[in-house]
Amino acid sequence: MQDTDAFTSFVRQHTSALLGTAYLLTGDFAAAEELVQETLVHLYPKWDKVSAADAPLAYVRRSLINCFVNQRRRPASREYAMEAVPDHGVPDLAAARLADRDEIWTLMRDLPERQRAALVLRYCHDLPDEQIAGALSCRAGTVRSLISRGLAA
């Protein structure tokens, strides 16, 4: 029962942060919710191990990224439904920001999963190379390479 309370407390406290990370990875709110849910369902049976970690949020975030990368490897995840929407009207600042955001999402979707994850962790969570390396199970030099290649692409 104590593990259930600890799990419930963690979920209530960190769901919005995890959803934000998942949204930045997936680019879709429904997919982000699915990703967070799948990650938490996977971690619940071993919550005692998660809560014993030095940084449980980092542990869950790493699992979230691993789940994202694994999902993207599945053949069904490579199918995209695209619809071109014509641009009408006078552009304003809000529309320009939306266009920039759409362009960023389009570019991010084309990146390999690990590059996208490295960019999200660096520029959205402001994590140093060592923490990103821990989340991606690689070396700090690899993180710098992933970020460099992701920005170049």
C-alpha atoms as a PDB file:
ATOM      1  CA  MET A   1       0.000   0.000   0.000  1.00  0.00           C
ATOM      2  CA  GLN A   2       2.870   2.351   0.761  1.00  0.00           C
ATOM      3  CA  ASP A   3       4.265   1.879  -2.776  1.00  0.00           C
ATOM      4  CA  THR A   4       0.857   2.766  -4.214  1.00  0.00           C
ATOM      5  CA  ASP A   5       0.757   5.981  -2.177  1.00  0.00           C
ATOM      6  CA  ALA A   6       4.299   6.895  -3.229  1.00  0.00           C
ATOM      7  CA  PHE A   7       3.466   6.164  -6.871  1.00  0.00           C
ATOM      8  CA  THR A   8       0.244   8.204  -6.704  1.00  0.00           C
ATOM      9  CA  SER A   9       2.067  11.103  -5.092  1.00  0.00           C
ATOM     10  CA  PHE A  10       4.811  11.007  -7.745  1.00  0.00           C
ATOM     11  CA  VAL A  11       2.276  10.908 -10.581  1.00  0.00           C
ATOM     12  CA  ARG A  12       0.324  13.854  -9.169  1.00  0.00           C
ATOM     13  CA  GLN A  13       3.486  15.878  -8.665  1.00  0.00           C
ATOM     14  CA  HIS A  14       5.287  15.175 -11.957  1.00  0.00           C
ATOM     15  CA  THR A  15       2.682  14.357 -14.614  1.00  0.00           C
ATOM     16  CA  SER A  16       2.672  17.835 -16.129  1.00  0.00           C
ATOM     17  CA  ALA A  17       6.482  17.854 -16.474  1.00  0.00           C
ATOM     18  CA  LEU A  18       6.446  14.371 -18.007  1.00  0.00           C
ATOM     19  CA  LEU A  19       3.644  15.371 -20.389  1.00  0.00           C
ATOM     20  CA  GLY A  20       5.661  18.399 -21.441  1.00  0.00           C
ATOM     21  CA  THR A  21       8.688  16.257 -22.217  1.00  0.00           C
ATOM     22  CA  ALA A  22       6.558  13.691 -24.024  1.00  0.00           C
ATOM     23  CA  TYR A  23       4.858  16.419 -26.068  1.00  0.00           C
ATOM     24  CA  LEU A  24       8.215  17.828 -27.099  1.00  0.00           C
ATOM     25  CA  LEU A  25       9.278  14.353 -28.205  1.00  0.00           C
ATOM     26  CA  THR A  26       6.091  13.382 -30.026  1.00  0.00           C
ATOM     27  CA  GLY A  27       4.711  16.719 -31.229  1.00  0.00           C
ATOM     28  CA  ASP A  28       1.187  15.533 -30.464  1.00  0.00           C
ATOM     29  CA  PHE A  29      -0.689  15.857 -27.176  1.00  0.00           C
ATOM     30  CA  ALA A  30      -2.606  12.572 -27.518  1.00  0.00           C
ATOM     31  CA  ALA A  31       0.600  10.692 -28.346  1.00  0.00           C
ATOM     32  CA  ALA A  32       2.310  12.400 -25.398  1.00  0.00           C
ATOM     33  CA  GLU A  33      -0.427  11.220 -23.036  1.00  0.00           C
ATOM     34  CA  GLU A  34      -0.102   7.680 -24.402  1.00  0.00           C
ATOM     35  CA  LEU A  35       3.671   7.774 -23.977  1.00  0.00           C
ATOM     36  CA  VAL A  36       3.478   8.957 -20.367  1.00  0.00           C
ATOM     37  CA  GLN A  37       0.789   6.401 -19.581  1.00  0.00           C
ATOM     38  CA  GLU A  38       2.738   3.552 -21.169  1.00  0.00           C
ATOM     39  CA  THR A  39       5.873   4.574 -19.272  1.00  0.00           C
ATOM     40  CA  LEU A  40       4.107   4.767 -15.910  1.00  0.00           C
ATOM     41  CA  VAL A  41       2.304   1.457 -16.478  1.00  0.00           C
ATOM     42  CA  HIS A  42       5.654  -0.141 -17.266  1.00  0.00           C
ATOM     43  CA  LEU A  43       7.318   1.313 -14.156  1.00  0.00           C
ATOM     44  CA  TYR A  44       4.533   0.711 -11.623  1.00  0.00           C
ATOM     45  CA  PRO A  45       5.364  -2.960 -10.890  1.00  0.00           C
ATOM     46  CA  LYS A  46       8.947  -1.976 -10.037  1.00  0.00           C
ATOM     47  CA  TRP A  47       8.156   1.298  -8.279  1.00  0.00           C
ATOM     48  CA  ASP A  48      10.248   0.378  -5.234  1.00  0.00           C
ATOM     49  CA  LYS A  49      13.328   0.379  -7.506  1.00  0.00           C
ATOM     50  CA  VAL A  50      12.313   3.686  -9.084  1.00  0.00           C
ATOM     51  CA  SER A  51      11.660   5.415  -5.764  1.00  0.00           C
ATOM     52  CA  ALA A  52      14.995   4.140  -4.410  1.00  0.00           C
ATOM     53  CA  ALA A  53      16.883   5.856  -7.253  1.00  0.00           C
ATOM     54  CA  ASP A  54      18.888   8.992  -6.498  1.00  0.00           C
ATOM     55  CA  ALA A  55      16.607  11.036  -8.762  1.00  0.00           C
ATOM     56  CA  PRO A  56      13.280   9.264  -9.419  1.00  0.00           C
ATOM     57  CA  LEU A  57      12.151  11.944 -11.903  1.00  0.00           C
ATOM     58  CA  ALA A  58      15.321  11.470 -13.938  1.00  0.00           C
ATOM     59  CA  TYR A  59      14.771   7.690 -13.817  1.00  0.00           C
ATOM     60  CA  VAL A  60      11.206   8.058 -15.106  1.00  0.00           C
ATOM     61  CA  ARG A  61      12.286  10.616 -17.748  1.00  0.00           C
ATOM     62  CA  ARG A  62      14.942   8.190 -18.985  1.00  0.00           C
ATOM     63  CA  SER A  63      12.352   5.428 -19.168  1.00  0.00           C
ATOM     64  CA  LEU A  64      10.018   7.801 -21.039  1.00  0.00           C
ATOM     65  CA  ILE A  65      12.733   8.515 -23.614  1.00  0.00           C
ATOM     66  CA  ASN A  66      13.528   4.813 -23.983  1.00  0.00           C
ATOM     67  CA  CYS A  67       9.837   4.086 -24.492  1.00  0.00           C
ATOM     68  CA  PHE A  68       9.655   6.841 -27.136  1.00  0.00           C
ATOM     69  CA  VAL A  69      12.702   5.530 -28.992  1.00  0.00           C
ATOM     70  CA  ASN A  70      11.323   1.975 -28.890  1.00  0.00           C
ATOM     71  CA  GLN A  71       7.916   3.106 -30.170  1.00  0.00           C
ATOM     72  CA  ARG A  72       9.536   4.920 -33.070  1.00  0.00           C
ATOM     73  CA  ARG A  73      11.335   1.763 -34.120  1.00  0.00           C
ATOM     74  CA  ARG A  74       8.021   0.034 -34.792  1.00  0.00           C
ATOM     75  CA  PRO A  75       7.021   0.044 -38.486  1.00  0.00           C
ATOM     76  CA  ALA A  76       3.588   1.592 -37.829  1.00  0.00           C
ATOM     77  CA  SER A  77       5.226   4.677 -36.308  1.00  0.00           C
ATOM     78  CA  ARG A  78       6.809   5.604 -39.631  1.00  0.00           C
ATOM     79  CA  GLU A  79       3.480   6.471 -41.243  1.00  0.00           C
ATOM     80  CA  TYR A  80       2.519  10.157 -41.237  1.00  0.00           C
ATOM     81  CA  ALA A  81      -0.787  11.714 -42.208  1.00  0.00           C
ATOM     82  CA  MET A  82      -0.029  15.134 -43.634  1.00  0.00           C
ATOM     83  CA  GLU A  83      -2.402  17.815 -44.812  1.00  0.00           C
ATOM     84  CA  ALA A  84      -1.277  21.074 -46.369  1.00  0.00           C
ATOM     85  CA  VAL A  85      -3.280  24.039 -45.100  1.00  0.00           C
ATOM     86  CA  PRO A  86      -3.227  27.102 -47.352  1.00  0.00           C
ATOM     87  CA  ASP A  87      -2.048  30.314 -45.733  1.00  0.00           C
ATOM     88  CA  HIS A  88      -4.708  33.037 -46.002  1.00  0.00           C
ATOM     89  CA  GLY A  89      -5.061  36.455 -44.489  1.00  0.00           C
ATOM     90  CA  VAL A  90      -2.685  39.038 -43.154  1.00  0.00           C
ATOM     91  CA  PRO A  91       0.121  37.564 -41.112  1.00  0.00           C
ATOM     92  CA  ASP A  92       0.445  38.844 -37.578  1.00  0.00           C
ATOM     93  CA  LEU A  93       2.889  38.144 -34.778  1.00  0.00           C
ATOM     94  CA  ALA A  94       0.877  35.231 -33.350  1.00  0.00           C
ATOM     95  CA  ALA A  95       0.557  33.646 -36.781  1.00  0.00           C
ATOM     96  CA  ALA A  96       4.285  34.066 -37.362  1.00  0.00           C
ATOM     97  CA  ARG A  97       5.015  32.350 -34.040  1.00  0.00           C
ATOM     98  CA  LEU A  98       2.681  29.499 -34.966  1.00  0.00           C
ATOM     99  CA  ALA A  99       4.353  29.156 -38.352  1.00  0.00           C
ATOM    100  CA  ASP A 100       7.762  29.048 -36.678  1.00  0.00           C
ATOM    101  CA  ARG A 101       6.526  26.422 -34.232  1.00  0.00           C
ATOM    102  CA  ASP A 102       5.069  24.341 -37.065  1.00  0.00           C
ATOM    103  CA  GLU A 103       8.335  24.558 -38.966  1.00  0.00           C
ATOM    104  CA  ILE A 104      10.287  23.466 -35.885  1.00  0.00           C
ATOM    105  CA  TRP A 105       7.957  20.486 -35.361  1.00  0.00           C
ATOM    106  CA  THR A 106       8.303  19.513 -39.004  1.00  0.00           C
ATOM    107  CA  LEU A 107      12.077  19.614 -38.730  1.00  0.00           C
ATOM    108  CA  MET A 108      12.071  17.792 -35.375  1.00  0.00           C
ATOM    109  CA  ARG A 109       9.905  14.964 -36.762  1.00  0.00           C
ATOM    110  CA  ASP A 110      12.512  14.282 -39.431  1.00  0.00           C
ATOM    111  CA  LEU A 111      15.299  13.850 -36.872  1.00  0.00           C
ATOM    112  CA  PRO A 112      16.309  10.431 -35.571  1.00  0.00           C
ATOM    113  CA  GLU A 113      14.824   9.714 -32.149  1.00  0.00           C
ATOM    114  CA  ARG A 114      18.062  10.030 -30.161  1.00  0.00           C
ATOM    115  CA  GLN A 115      18.920  13.376 -31.761  1.00  0.00           C
ATOM    116  CA  ARG A 116      15.425  14.658 -31.014  1.00  0.00           C
ATOM    117  CA  ALA A 117      15.631  13.428 -27.417  1.00  0.00           C
ATOM    118  CA  ALA A 118      19.051  15.061 -26.944  1.00  0.00           C
ATOM    119  CA  LEU A 119      17.759  18.393 -28.294  1.00  0.00           C
ATOM    120  CA  VAL A 120      14.662  18.277 -26.068  1.00  0.00           C
ATOM    121  CA  LEU A 121      16.700  17.495 -22.971  1.00  0.00           C
ATOM    122  CA  ARG A 122      19.261  20.224 -23.745  1.00  0.00           C
ATOM    123  CA  TYR A 123      17.085  23.092 -24.919  1.00  0.00           C
ATOM    124  CA  CYS A 124      13.788  22.415 -23.161  1.00  0.00           C
ATOM    125  CA  HIS A 125      15.041  20.953 -19.873  1.00  0.00           C
ATOM    126  CA  ASP A 126      18.443  22.715 -19.858  1.00  0.00           C
ATOM    127  CA  LEU A 127      20.253  19.543 -18.796  1.00  0.00           C
ATOM    128  CA  PRO A 128      24.054  19.288 -18.987  1.00  0.00           C
ATOM    129  CA  ASP A 129      25.766  16.749 -21.254  1.00  0.00           C
ATOM    130  CA  GLU A 130      26.380  14.291 -18.413  1.00  0.00           C
ATOM    131  CA  GLN A 131      22.702  14.076 -17.424  1.00  0.00           C
ATOM    132  CA  ILE A 132      21.604  13.772 -21.040  1.00  0.00           C
ATOM    133  CA  ALA A 133      24.198  11.024 -21.506  1.00  0.00           C
ATOM    134  CA  GLY A 134      22.727   9.203 -18.519  1.00  0.00           C
ATOM    135  CA  ALA A 135      19.210   9.531 -19.911  1.00  0.00           C
ATOM    136  CA  LEU A 136      20.259   8.266 -23.341  1.00  0.00           C
ATOM    137  CA  SER A 137      22.699   5.600 -22.078  1.00  0.00           C
ATOM    138  CA  CYS A 138      25.656   7.019 -23.953  1.00  0.00           C
ATOM    139  CA  ARG A 139      28.772   9.115 -23.357  1.00  0.00           C
ATOM    140  CA  ALA A 140      28.848  12.901 -23.050  1.00  0.00           C
ATOM    141  CA  GLY A 141      30.798  13.106 -26.320  1.00  0.00           C
ATOM    142  CA  THR A 142      28.013  11.234 -28.057  1.00  0.00           C
ATOM    143  CA  VAL A 143      25.510  13.728 -26.637  1.00  0.00           C
ATOM    144  CA  ARG A 144      27.478  16.627 -28.083  1.00  0.00           C
ATOM    145  CA  SER A 145      27.589  14.822 -31.427  1.00  0.00           C
ATOM    146  CA  LEU A 146      23.834  14.103 -31.359  1.00  0.00           C
ATOM    147  CA  ILE A 147      23.072  17.744 -30.563  1.00  0.00           C
ATOM    148  CA  SER A 148      25.469  19.041 -33.203  1.00  0.00           C
ATOM    149  CA  ARG A 149      24.069  16.769 -35.895  1.00  0.00           C
ATOM    150  CA  GLY A 150      20.489  17.513 -34.846  1.00  0.00           C
ATOM    151  CA  LEU A 151      21.057  21.255 -35.091  1.00  0.00           C
ATOM    152  CA  ALA A 152      22.817  20.863 -38.430  1.00  0.00           C
ATOM    153  CA  ALA A 153      19.946  18.821 -39.817  1.00  0.00           C
END
